[in-house]
Amino acid sequence: MPAGAFTGTPERPVKAGIPTADIAAAMYAFSGVPAALVRRGTTGGAAAGRTGTGQIGVGERPGVRDQRGRVAGRERTDALVAGALDALTADEVPARREAAGIACARIRDLAELAEHPQLVARERWRRVGSPVGPLRALLPPLTLPGGAETRLGDVPALGRHTDALLRAVGMTDDEIAALRRDGVAA
């Protein structure tokens, strides 16, 4: 298993237990769309035109009409795909799919993801301070052109904001001190 991989076995990665990418995409869309609308409303920006999605659906097979049929034929389909891919290198698979116009990506470990060509080309990494020294941090996925760059603050030390947060929810200094004493709060 590549260094930094967290799911699967040494022989094979597996799908994460939760749809992390879907959750993150929804979260950023939830905050990004209103931000873009506010920007347009305050700057007089024009609405973007339609451009299409460019997505290709893969998975329909002749004679398969419903989900039950897809599930029933999954082992056979997986075996056919695996047999065709086994003869190719990790770099050949995406190259062939790209040449055929099929959206694809290879599985990367954390170190490979950190150096992904898109992140580097789009200059998405920034340095932030932390109690253990400087760290690399990614800009949020949704940034608006023509505005100020998103400010990434330093990572606070453990417990840095504990008192303020607990006071904000109505706790007294004595209650906060008791939480610290009992090891409940830092």
N, C-alpha and C. Protein backbone atom coordinates (compact mmCIF):
# COMPACT_ATOMS: atom_id res chain seq x y z
N MET A 1 0.86 -1.18 0.00
CA MET A 1 0.00 0.00 0.00
C MET A 1 0.90 1.23 0.00
N PRO A 2 0.57 2.23 -0.83
CA PRO A 2 1.40 3.44 -0.86
C PRO A 2 1.40 4.12 0.50
N ALA A 3 2.52 4.78 0.79
CA ALA A 3 2.61 5.53 2.04
C ALA A 3 1.52 6.58 2.08
N GLY A 4 0.85 6.68 3.19
CA GLY A 4 -0.19 7.70 3.33
C GLY A 4 -1.57 7.22 2.95
N ALA A 5 -1.71 5.99 2.42
CA ALA A 5 -3.03 5.48 2.08
C ALA A 5 -3.70 4.99 3.35
N PHE A 6 -4.99 5.19 3.48
CA PHE A 6 -5.66 4.87 4.73
C PHE A 6 -6.73 3.80 4.61
N THR A 7 -7.18 3.46 3.43
CA THR A 7 -8.22 2.45 3.29
C THR A 7 -7.71 1.32 2.42
N GLY A 8 -8.20 0.14 2.67
CA GLY A 8 -7.83 -1.00 1.86
C GLY A 8 -6.83 -1.90 2.52
N THR A 9 -6.27 -2.78 1.72
CA THR A 9 -5.28 -3.75 2.18
C THR A 9 -3.96 -3.42 1.51
N PRO A 10 -2.87 -4.08 1.92
CA PRO A 10 -1.60 -3.82 1.23
C PRO A 10 -1.67 -4.12 -0.27
N GLU A 11 -2.56 -5.03 -0.67
CA GLU A 11 -2.65 -5.39 -2.08
C GLU A 11 -3.60 -4.51 -2.88
N ARG A 12 -4.60 -3.92 -2.20
CA ARG A 12 -5.64 -3.23 -2.97
C ARG A 12 -6.30 -2.11 -2.17
N PRO A 13 -6.35 -0.89 -2.74
CA PRO A 13 -7.09 0.18 -2.07
C PRO A 13 -8.59 -0.09 -2.20
N VAL A 14 -9.37 0.45 -1.29
CA VAL A 14 -10.82 0.32 -1.36
C VAL A 14 -11.47 1.69 -1.17
N LYS A 15 -12.71 1.74 -1.55
CA LYS A 15 -13.48 2.96 -1.42
C LYS A 15 -13.57 3.38 0.05
N ALA A 16 -13.46 4.67 0.30
CA ALA A 16 -13.57 5.18 1.67
C ALA A 16 -14.97 4.89 2.22
N GLY A 17 -15.07 4.80 3.52
CA GLY A 17 -16.34 4.48 4.16
C GLY A 17 -17.41 5.54 3.98
N ILE A 18 -17.02 6.80 3.83
CA ILE A 18 -17.99 7.87 3.61
C ILE A 18 -17.62 8.61 2.33
N PRO A 19 -18.59 9.23 1.68
CA PRO A 19 -18.31 9.96 0.43
C PRO A 19 -17.68 11.32 0.70
N THR A 20 -16.43 11.33 1.13
CA THR A 20 -15.74 12.54 1.55
C THR A 20 -15.74 13.60 0.46
N ALA A 21 -15.39 13.22 -0.77
CA ALA A 21 -15.34 14.20 -1.86
C ALA A 21 -16.71 14.80 -2.13
N ASP A 22 -17.76 13.99 -2.07
CA ASP A 22 -19.12 14.51 -2.29
C ASP A 22 -19.51 15.49 -1.19
N ILE A 23 -19.18 15.15 0.05
CA ILE A 23 -19.51 16.04 1.17
C ILE A 23 -18.76 17.36 1.04
N ALA A 24 -17.46 17.28 0.73
CA ALA A 24 -16.66 18.49 0.59
C ALA A 24 -17.16 19.34 -0.58
N ALA A 25 -17.47 18.70 -1.71
CA ALA A 25 -17.96 19.45 -2.87
C ALA A 25 -19.27 20.17 -2.54
N ALA A 26 -20.17 19.48 -1.85
CA ALA A 26 -21.44 20.11 -1.47
C ALA A 26 -21.23 21.27 -0.51
N MET A 27 -20.31 21.09 0.43
CA MET A 27 -20.03 22.15 1.39
C MET A 27 -19.50 23.40 0.69
N TYR A 28 -18.55 23.21 -0.22
CA TYR A 28 -17.99 24.36 -0.91
C TYR A 28 -18.98 24.98 -1.90
N ALA A 29 -19.82 24.17 -2.53
CA ALA A 29 -20.86 24.72 -3.40
C ALA A 29 -21.85 25.52 -2.57
N PHE A 30 -22.20 25.00 -1.39
CA PHE A 30 -23.13 25.67 -0.49
C PHE A 30 -22.64 27.06 -0.11
N SER A 31 -21.35 27.22 0.10
CA SER A 31 -20.82 28.53 0.45
C SER A 31 -20.36 29.32 -0.76
N GLY A 32 -19.92 28.64 -1.81
CA GLY A 32 -19.37 29.33 -2.98
C GLY A 32 -20.41 29.98 -3.87
N VAL A 33 -21.55 29.31 -4.07
CA VAL A 33 -22.58 29.87 -4.94
C VAL A 33 -23.13 31.18 -4.37
N PRO A 34 -23.52 31.23 -3.09
CA PRO A 34 -23.97 32.53 -2.56
C PRO A 34 -22.87 33.60 -2.62
N ALA A 35 -21.62 33.20 -2.38
CA ALA A 35 -20.52 34.17 -2.45
C ALA A 35 -20.41 34.74 -3.85
N ALA A 36 -20.53 33.90 -4.86
CA ALA A 36 -20.47 34.37 -6.24
C ALA A 36 -21.65 35.28 -6.56
N LEU A 37 -22.84 34.96 -6.05
CA LEU A 37 -24.01 35.81 -6.30
C LEU A 37 -23.86 37.17 -5.63
N VAL A 38 -23.34 37.18 -4.39
CA VAL A 38 -23.09 38.45 -3.71
C VAL A 38 -22.07 39.27 -4.50
N ARG A 39 -20.99 38.62 -4.95
CA ARG A 39 -19.97 39.32 -5.74
C ARG A 39 -20.59 39.93 -6.99
N ARG A 40 -21.41 39.14 -7.70
CA ARG A 40 -22.04 39.64 -8.91
C ARG A 40 -22.95 40.82 -8.59
N GLY A 41 -23.70 40.71 -7.47
CA GLY A 41 -24.62 41.78 -7.10
C GLY A 41 -23.92 43.06 -6.67
N THR A 42 -22.72 42.95 -6.11
CA THR A 42 -22.02 44.14 -5.65
C THR A 42 -21.06 44.71 -6.68
N THR A 43 -20.69 43.91 -7.67
CA THR A 43 -19.75 44.41 -8.68
C THR A 43 -20.40 44.62 -10.04
N GLY A 44 -21.67 44.20 -10.17
CA GLY A 44 -22.35 44.34 -11.46
C GLY A 44 -21.88 43.31 -12.48
N GLY A 45 -21.25 42.26 -12.04
CA GLY A 45 -20.77 41.22 -12.96
C GLY A 45 -21.90 40.54 -13.69
N ALA A 46 -21.64 40.14 -14.91
CA ALA A 46 -22.65 39.47 -15.73
C ALA A 46 -22.68 37.98 -15.39
N ALA A 47 -23.87 37.39 -15.54
CA ALA A 47 -24.00 35.95 -15.31
C ALA A 47 -23.27 35.20 -16.41
N ALA A 48 -22.65 34.09 -16.04
CA ALA A 48 -21.93 33.26 -17.02
C ALA A 48 -22.93 32.54 -17.92
N GLY A 49 -22.53 32.30 -19.17
CA GLY A 49 -23.36 31.56 -20.10
C GLY A 49 -23.21 30.07 -19.89
N ARG A 50 -24.06 29.31 -20.55
CA ARG A 50 -23.98 27.86 -20.44
C ARG A 50 -22.77 27.34 -21.20
N THR A 51 -22.11 26.36 -20.62
CA THR A 51 -20.93 25.80 -21.28
C THR A 51 -21.01 24.29 -21.42
N GLY A 52 -22.00 23.62 -20.81
CA GLY A 52 -22.08 22.16 -20.86
C GLY A 52 -21.22 21.55 -19.79
N THR A 53 -21.41 20.27 -19.54
CA THR A 53 -20.68 19.62 -18.46
C THR A 53 -19.53 18.76 -18.95
N GLY A 54 -19.62 18.22 -20.15
CA GLY A 54 -18.56 17.37 -20.66
C GLY A 54 -18.47 16.02 -19.97
N GLN A 55 -19.52 15.63 -19.27
CA GLN A 55 -19.47 14.36 -18.56
C GLN A 55 -19.87 13.22 -19.48
N ILE A 56 -19.28 12.07 -19.23
CA ILE A 56 -19.60 10.86 -19.97
C ILE A 56 -20.03 9.82 -18.97
N GLY A 57 -21.20 9.23 -19.18
CA GLY A 57 -21.67 8.18 -18.29
C GLY A 57 -21.12 6.84 -18.75
N VAL A 58 -20.52 6.11 -17.82
CA VAL A 58 -19.99 4.80 -18.14
C VAL A 58 -20.71 3.80 -17.25
N GLY A 59 -21.06 2.66 -17.79
CA GLY A 59 -21.68 1.65 -16.95
C GLY A 59 -22.88 0.98 -17.58
N GLU A 60 -23.46 1.57 -18.60
CA GLU A 60 -24.59 0.91 -19.26
C GLU A 60 -24.05 -0.20 -20.15
N ARG A 61 -24.70 -1.35 -20.09
CA ARG A 61 -24.29 -2.49 -20.91
C ARG A 61 -25.48 -2.97 -21.70
N PRO A 62 -25.25 -3.47 -22.90
CA PRO A 62 -26.37 -3.99 -23.71
C PRO A 62 -27.13 -5.06 -22.94
N GLY A 63 -28.44 -5.00 -22.98
CA GLY A 63 -29.28 -5.99 -22.32
C GLY A 63 -29.51 -5.75 -20.85
N VAL A 64 -28.90 -4.74 -20.27
CA VAL A 64 -29.07 -4.44 -18.85
C VAL A 64 -30.01 -3.25 -18.74
N ARG A 65 -31.16 -3.48 -18.09
CA ARG A 65 -32.18 -2.43 -18.07
C ARG A 65 -32.36 -1.77 -16.71
N ASP A 66 -31.83 -2.36 -15.65
CA ASP A 66 -32.08 -1.79 -14.33
C ASP A 66 -30.91 -2.07 -13.39
N GLN A 67 -31.00 -1.51 -12.18
CA GLN A 67 -29.94 -1.67 -11.18
C GLN A 67 -29.72 -3.13 -10.82
N ARG A 68 -30.79 -3.90 -10.72
CA ARG A 68 -30.66 -5.32 -10.38
C ARG A 68 -29.81 -6.05 -11.43
N GLY A 69 -30.01 -5.72 -12.70
CA GLY A 69 -29.21 -6.33 -13.77
C GLY A 69 -27.75 -5.91 -13.70
N ARG A 70 -27.50 -4.64 -13.36
CA ARG A 70 -26.11 -4.17 -13.23
C ARG A 70 -25.41 -4.89 -12.08
N VAL A 71 -26.10 -5.05 -10.95
CA VAL A 71 -25.50 -5.73 -9.81
C VAL A 71 -25.24 -7.20 -10.15
N ALA A 72 -26.19 -7.83 -10.81
CA ALA A 72 -26.04 -9.25 -11.16
C ALA A 72 -24.84 -9.48 -12.08
N GLY A 73 -24.55 -8.56 -12.95
CA GLY A 73 -23.44 -8.72 -13.89
C GLY A 73 -22.15 -8.07 -13.44
N ARG A 74 -22.10 -7.59 -12.23
CA ARG A 74 -20.93 -6.83 -11.78
C ARG A 74 -19.66 -7.68 -11.76
N GLU A 75 -19.73 -8.89 -11.23
CA GLU A 75 -18.51 -9.72 -11.15
C GLU A 75 -17.95 -9.97 -12.53
N ARG A 76 -18.81 -10.28 -13.48
CA ARG A 76 -18.34 -10.54 -14.85
C ARG A 76 -17.73 -9.28 -15.46
N THR A 77 -18.40 -8.14 -15.26
CA THR A 77 -17.88 -6.88 -15.79
C THR A 77 -16.54 -6.54 -15.13
N ASP A 78 -16.46 -6.68 -13.80
CA ASP A 78 -15.21 -6.40 -13.10
C ASP A 78 -14.07 -7.28 -13.63
N ALA A 79 -14.36 -8.55 -13.87
CA ALA A 79 -13.34 -9.47 -14.37
C ALA A 79 -12.87 -9.06 -15.77
N LEU A 80 -13.80 -8.67 -16.63
CA LEU A 80 -13.44 -8.24 -17.99
C LEU A 80 -12.57 -6.98 -17.96
N VAL A 81 -12.97 -6.03 -17.13
CA VAL A 81 -12.21 -4.78 -17.03
C VAL A 81 -10.83 -5.05 -16.45
N ALA A 82 -10.77 -5.84 -15.37
CA ALA A 82 -9.48 -6.16 -14.73
C ALA A 82 -8.56 -6.88 -15.72
N GLY A 83 -9.11 -7.81 -16.49
CA GLY A 83 -8.30 -8.52 -17.47
C GLY A 83 -7.71 -7.60 -18.52
N ALA A 84 -8.50 -6.63 -18.96
CA ALA A 84 -8.00 -5.68 -19.96
C ALA A 84 -6.97 -4.73 -19.38
N LEU A 85 -7.13 -4.36 -18.11
CA LEU A 85 -6.23 -3.39 -17.49
C LEU A 85 -4.95 -4.00 -16.94
N ASP A 86 -4.99 -5.30 -16.61
CA ASP A 86 -3.81 -5.95 -16.01
C ASP A 86 -2.56 -5.84 -16.87
N ALA A 87 -2.73 -5.79 -18.17
CA ALA A 87 -1.58 -5.76 -19.07
C ALA A 87 -1.00 -4.34 -19.22
N LEU A 88 -1.66 -3.35 -18.64
CA LEU A 88 -1.23 -1.96 -18.80
C LEU A 88 -0.56 -1.45 -17.53
N THR A 89 0.31 -0.45 -17.69
CA THR A 89 0.93 0.19 -16.53
C THR A 89 -0.03 1.24 -15.98
N ALA A 90 0.29 1.72 -14.77
CA ALA A 90 -0.55 2.74 -14.13
C ALA A 90 -0.62 4.02 -14.96
N ASP A 91 0.42 4.32 -15.73
CA ASP A 91 0.41 5.52 -16.57
C ASP A 91 -0.31 5.30 -17.89
N GLU A 92 -0.34 4.06 -18.38
CA GLU A 92 -0.99 3.78 -19.67
C GLU A 92 -2.52 3.86 -19.57
N VAL A 93 -3.08 3.47 -18.43
CA VAL A 93 -4.53 3.44 -18.29
C VAL A 93 -5.13 4.83 -18.47
N PRO A 94 -4.70 5.83 -17.69
CA PRO A 94 -5.30 7.16 -17.89
C PRO A 94 -4.98 7.74 -19.27
N ALA A 95 -3.81 7.44 -19.81
CA ALA A 95 -3.47 7.95 -21.15
C ALA A 95 -4.43 7.41 -22.20
N ARG A 96 -4.75 6.13 -22.12
CA ARG A 96 -5.70 5.55 -23.09
C ARG A 96 -7.11 6.08 -22.88
N ARG A 97 -7.53 6.21 -21.63
CA ARG A 97 -8.87 6.74 -21.38
C ARG A 97 -8.97 8.19 -21.82
N GLU A 98 -7.93 8.95 -21.56
CA GLU A 98 -7.92 10.36 -21.99
C GLU A 98 -8.00 10.45 -23.51
N ALA A 99 -7.23 9.60 -24.20
CA ALA A 99 -7.25 9.60 -25.67
C ALA A 99 -8.63 9.23 -26.21
N ALA A 100 -9.36 8.42 -25.46
CA ALA A 100 -10.70 8.02 -25.88
C ALA A 100 -11.77 9.01 -25.43
N GLY A 101 -11.37 10.06 -24.68
CA GLY A 101 -12.33 11.06 -24.23
C GLY A 101 -13.14 10.63 -23.03
N ILE A 102 -12.60 9.69 -22.23
CA ILE A 102 -13.30 9.21 -21.04
C ILE A 102 -12.65 9.85 -19.81
N ALA A 103 -13.45 10.51 -19.00
CA ALA A 103 -12.93 11.13 -17.79
C ALA A 103 -12.32 10.07 -16.89
N CYS A 104 -11.16 10.37 -16.33
CA CYS A 104 -10.50 9.38 -15.49
C CYS A 104 -9.48 10.04 -14.59
N ALA A 105 -9.06 9.29 -13.60
CA ALA A 105 -7.98 9.73 -12.72
C ALA A 105 -7.39 8.48 -12.09
N ARG A 106 -6.12 8.55 -11.75
CA ARG A 106 -5.51 7.40 -11.09
C ARG A 106 -5.53 7.61 -9.58
N ILE A 107 -5.43 6.54 -8.86
CA ILE A 107 -5.38 6.61 -7.40
C ILE A 107 -4.00 7.10 -7.01
N ARG A 108 -3.97 8.10 -6.17
CA ARG A 108 -2.70 8.67 -5.71
C ARG A 108 -2.61 8.56 -4.20
N ASP A 109 -1.38 8.42 -3.70
CA ASP A 109 -1.20 8.48 -2.26
C ASP A 109 -1.11 9.96 -1.87
N LEU A 110 -1.01 10.24 -0.59
CA LEU A 110 -1.04 11.63 -0.13
C LEU A 110 0.13 12.45 -0.67
N ALA A 111 1.32 11.85 -0.75
CA ALA A 111 2.48 12.59 -1.27
C ALA A 111 2.27 12.95 -2.75
N GLU A 112 1.73 12.03 -3.54
CA GLU A 112 1.45 12.31 -4.96
C GLU A 112 0.36 13.36 -5.10
N LEU A 113 -0.65 13.28 -4.25
CA LEU A 113 -1.72 14.28 -4.30
C LEU A 113 -1.18 15.67 -3.99
N ALA A 114 -0.30 15.76 -3.01
CA ALA A 114 0.27 17.06 -2.62
C ALA A 114 1.03 17.70 -3.77
N GLU A 115 1.60 16.90 -4.65
CA GLU A 115 2.36 17.43 -5.79
C GLU A 115 1.59 17.32 -7.09
N HIS A 116 0.27 17.18 -7.03
CA HIS A 116 -0.55 17.03 -8.23
C HIS A 116 -0.29 18.21 -9.18
N PRO A 117 -0.10 17.93 -10.46
CA PRO A 117 0.22 19.00 -11.41
C PRO A 117 -0.80 20.15 -11.43
N GLN A 118 -2.07 19.85 -11.22
CA GLN A 118 -3.08 20.92 -11.22
C GLN A 118 -2.91 21.85 -10.02
N LEU A 119 -2.62 21.27 -8.86
CA LEU A 119 -2.43 22.10 -7.66
C LEU A 119 -1.20 22.98 -7.81
N VAL A 120 -0.16 22.43 -8.40
CA VAL A 120 1.07 23.19 -8.62
C VAL A 120 0.84 24.27 -9.68
N ALA A 121 0.25 23.90 -10.82
CA ALA A 121 0.04 24.86 -11.92
C ALA A 121 -0.89 26.00 -11.50
N ARG A 122 -1.88 25.71 -10.67
CA ARG A 122 -2.83 26.74 -10.24
C ARG A 122 -2.37 27.47 -8.98
N GLU A 123 -1.15 27.14 -8.52
CA GLU A 123 -0.57 27.80 -7.34
C GLU A 123 -1.54 27.80 -6.15
N ARG A 124 -2.01 26.60 -5.79
CA ARG A 124 -3.00 26.46 -4.73
C ARG A 124 -2.40 26.34 -3.33
N TRP A 125 -1.10 26.10 -3.23
CA TRP A 125 -0.47 25.93 -1.92
C TRP A 125 -0.03 27.25 -1.33
N ARG A 126 -0.21 27.39 -0.02
CA ARG A 126 0.28 28.55 0.73
C ARG A 126 0.98 28.03 1.98
N ARG A 127 1.83 28.85 2.57
CA ARG A 127 2.48 28.52 3.84
C ARG A 127 1.72 29.19 4.97
N VAL A 128 1.49 28.45 6.04
CA VAL A 128 0.88 29.01 7.24
C VAL A 128 1.74 28.61 8.44
N GLY A 129 1.68 29.41 9.47
CA GLY A 129 2.41 29.09 10.68
C GLY A 129 1.61 28.12 11.55
N SER A 130 2.31 27.44 12.43
CA SER A 130 1.67 26.53 13.37
C SER A 130 2.57 26.38 14.59
N PRO A 131 2.05 25.83 15.68
CA PRO A 131 2.90 25.62 16.86
C PRO A 131 4.11 24.72 16.59
N VAL A 132 4.07 23.92 15.52
CA VAL A 132 5.20 23.03 15.21
C VAL A 132 6.05 23.56 14.06
N GLY A 133 5.77 24.78 13.60
CA GLY A 133 6.53 25.37 12.50
C GLY A 133 5.66 25.56 11.27
N PRO A 134 6.24 26.06 10.17
CA PRO A 134 5.46 26.33 8.96
C PRO A 134 4.90 25.04 8.35
N LEU A 135 3.67 25.15 7.83
CA LEU A 135 2.99 24.04 7.16
C LEU A 135 2.46 24.51 5.82
N ARG A 136 2.29 23.57 4.90
CA ARG A 136 1.63 23.87 3.62
C ARG A 136 0.13 23.72 3.81
N ALA A 137 -0.64 24.65 3.26
CA ALA A 137 -2.10 24.59 3.33
C ALA A 137 -2.66 24.90 1.96
N LEU A 138 -3.76 24.24 1.61
CA LEU A 138 -4.42 24.48 0.33
C LEU A 138 -5.42 25.61 0.44
N LEU A 139 -5.48 26.43 -0.59
CA LEU A 139 -6.55 27.42 -0.67
C LEU A 139 -7.87 26.68 -0.80
N PRO A 140 -8.98 27.26 -0.37
CA PRO A 140 -10.28 26.61 -0.58
C PRO A 140 -10.52 26.37 -2.07
N PRO A 141 -11.28 25.33 -2.42
CA PRO A 141 -11.51 25.01 -3.83
C PRO A 141 -12.19 26.12 -4.61
N LEU A 142 -13.09 26.87 -3.96
CA LEU A 142 -13.81 27.93 -4.66
C LEU A 142 -13.22 29.28 -4.29
N THR A 143 -12.53 29.88 -5.24
CA THR A 143 -12.04 31.24 -5.07
C THR A 143 -12.58 32.05 -6.22
N LEU A 144 -12.90 33.29 -5.96
CA LEU A 144 -13.51 34.14 -6.98
C LEU A 144 -12.46 35.03 -7.63
N PRO A 145 -12.47 35.08 -8.96
CA PRO A 145 -11.49 35.92 -9.65
C PRO A 145 -11.74 37.41 -9.38
N GLY A 146 -10.68 38.17 -9.36
CA GLY A 146 -10.81 39.62 -9.23
C GLY A 146 -10.97 40.11 -7.81
N GLY A 147 -10.98 39.24 -6.85
CA GLY A 147 -11.15 39.65 -5.47
C GLY A 147 -9.86 39.44 -4.69
N ALA A 148 -9.92 39.79 -3.45
CA ALA A 148 -8.76 39.58 -2.58
C ALA A 148 -8.56 38.09 -2.37
N GLU A 149 -7.32 37.67 -2.26
CA GLU A 149 -7.04 36.26 -2.03
C GLU A 149 -7.54 35.86 -0.64
N THR A 150 -8.04 34.65 -0.56
CA THR A 150 -8.48 34.12 0.73
C THR A 150 -7.33 34.17 1.72
N ARG A 151 -7.62 34.69 2.89
CA ARG A 151 -6.58 34.77 3.93
C ARG A 151 -6.58 33.47 4.71
N LEU A 152 -5.43 32.85 4.75
CA LEU A 152 -5.26 31.64 5.56
C LEU A 152 -4.46 32.03 6.79
N GLY A 153 -5.09 31.96 7.94
CA GLY A 153 -4.40 32.31 9.17
C GLY A 153 -3.55 31.15 9.67
N ASP A 154 -2.74 31.46 10.66
CA ASP A 154 -1.92 30.43 11.27
C ASP A 154 -2.79 29.43 12.02
N VAL A 155 -2.30 28.21 12.13
CA VAL A 155 -2.99 27.18 12.89
C VAL A 155 -2.80 27.50 14.37
N PRO A 156 -3.90 27.65 15.12
CA PRO A 156 -3.75 28.01 16.54
C PRO A 156 -3.26 26.82 17.36
N ALA A 157 -2.60 27.13 18.45
CA ALA A 157 -2.17 26.10 19.40
C ALA A 157 -3.40 25.46 20.05
N LEU A 158 -3.27 24.22 20.46
CA LEU A 158 -4.35 23.54 21.15
C LEU A 158 -4.77 24.36 22.37
N GLY A 159 -6.05 24.63 22.47
CA GLY A 159 -6.58 25.37 23.60
C GLY A 159 -6.58 26.88 23.43
N ARG A 160 -6.06 27.37 22.32
CA ARG A 160 -5.92 28.81 22.10
C ARG A 160 -7.25 29.54 22.23
N HIS A 161 -8.34 28.95 21.75
CA HIS A 161 -9.65 29.62 21.75
C HIS A 161 -10.65 28.99 22.72
N THR A 162 -10.19 28.07 23.55
CA THR A 162 -11.10 27.34 24.44
C THR A 162 -11.90 28.28 25.33
N ASP A 163 -11.23 29.17 26.03
CA ASP A 163 -11.94 30.06 26.96
C ASP A 163 -13.00 30.88 26.24
N ALA A 164 -12.63 31.49 25.12
CA ALA A 164 -13.58 32.34 24.40
C ALA A 164 -14.79 31.54 23.91
N LEU A 165 -14.56 30.35 23.39
CA LEU A 165 -15.68 29.53 22.89
C LEU A 165 -16.59 29.07 24.03
N LEU A 166 -16.00 28.65 25.14
CA LEU A 166 -16.83 28.19 26.25
C LEU A 166 -17.59 29.35 26.89
N ARG A 167 -16.98 30.51 26.95
CA ARG A 167 -17.71 31.69 27.46
C ARG A 167 -18.86 32.06 26.53
N ALA A 168 -18.63 31.89 25.23
CA ALA A 168 -19.67 32.23 24.24
C ALA A 168 -20.91 31.34 24.38
N VAL A 169 -20.74 30.14 24.93
CA VAL A 169 -21.90 29.27 25.15
C VAL A 169 -22.42 29.35 26.58
N GLY A 170 -21.91 30.35 27.33
CA GLY A 170 -22.48 30.64 28.64
C GLY A 170 -21.77 30.04 29.83
N MET A 171 -20.60 29.46 29.66
CA MET A 171 -19.90 28.87 30.80
C MET A 171 -19.16 29.95 31.59
N THR A 172 -19.07 29.73 32.89
CA THR A 172 -18.35 30.66 33.76
C THR A 172 -16.87 30.27 33.82
N ASP A 173 -16.06 31.18 34.35
CA ASP A 173 -14.63 30.89 34.50
C ASP A 173 -14.40 29.68 35.39
N ASP A 174 -15.20 29.54 36.45
CA ASP A 174 -15.06 28.38 37.35
C ASP A 174 -15.38 27.08 36.62
N GLU A 175 -16.42 27.10 35.80
CA GLU A 175 -16.78 25.88 35.04
C GLU A 175 -15.69 25.52 34.03
N ILE A 176 -15.13 26.54 33.39
CA ILE A 176 -14.05 26.31 32.43
C ILE A 176 -12.82 25.75 33.14
N ALA A 177 -12.50 26.31 34.29
CA ALA A 177 -11.35 25.82 35.06
C ALA A 177 -11.56 24.36 35.47
N ALA A 178 -12.79 24.00 35.81
CA ALA A 178 -13.09 22.61 36.19
C ALA A 178 -12.90 21.68 34.99
N LEU A 179 -13.32 22.12 33.82
CA LEU A 179 -13.13 21.30 32.60
C LEU A 179 -11.65 21.10 32.32
N ARG A 180 -10.87 22.14 32.48
CA ARG A 180 -9.41 22.01 32.28
C ARG A 180 -8.81 21.07 33.33
N ARG A 181 -9.17 21.25 34.58
CA ARG A 181 -8.64 20.43 35.67
C ARG A 181 -8.94 18.95 35.46
N ASP A 182 -10.15 18.66 34.95
CA ASP A 182 -10.57 17.28 34.74
C ASP A 182 -10.10 16.69 33.41
N GLY A 183 -9.35 17.50 32.65
CA GLY A 183 -8.82 17.02 31.38
C GLY A 183 -9.84 16.96 30.25
N VAL A 184 -10.99 17.59 30.44
CA VAL A 184 -12.03 17.60 29.42
C VAL A 184 -11.73 18.64 28.34
N ALA A 185 -11.12 19.75 28.74
CA ALA A 185 -10.79 20.84 27.81
C ALA A 185 -9.33 21.18 27.92
N ALA A 186 -8.77 21.63 26.81
CA ALA A 186 -7.35 22.03 26.80
C ALA A 186 -7.25 23.54 26.99
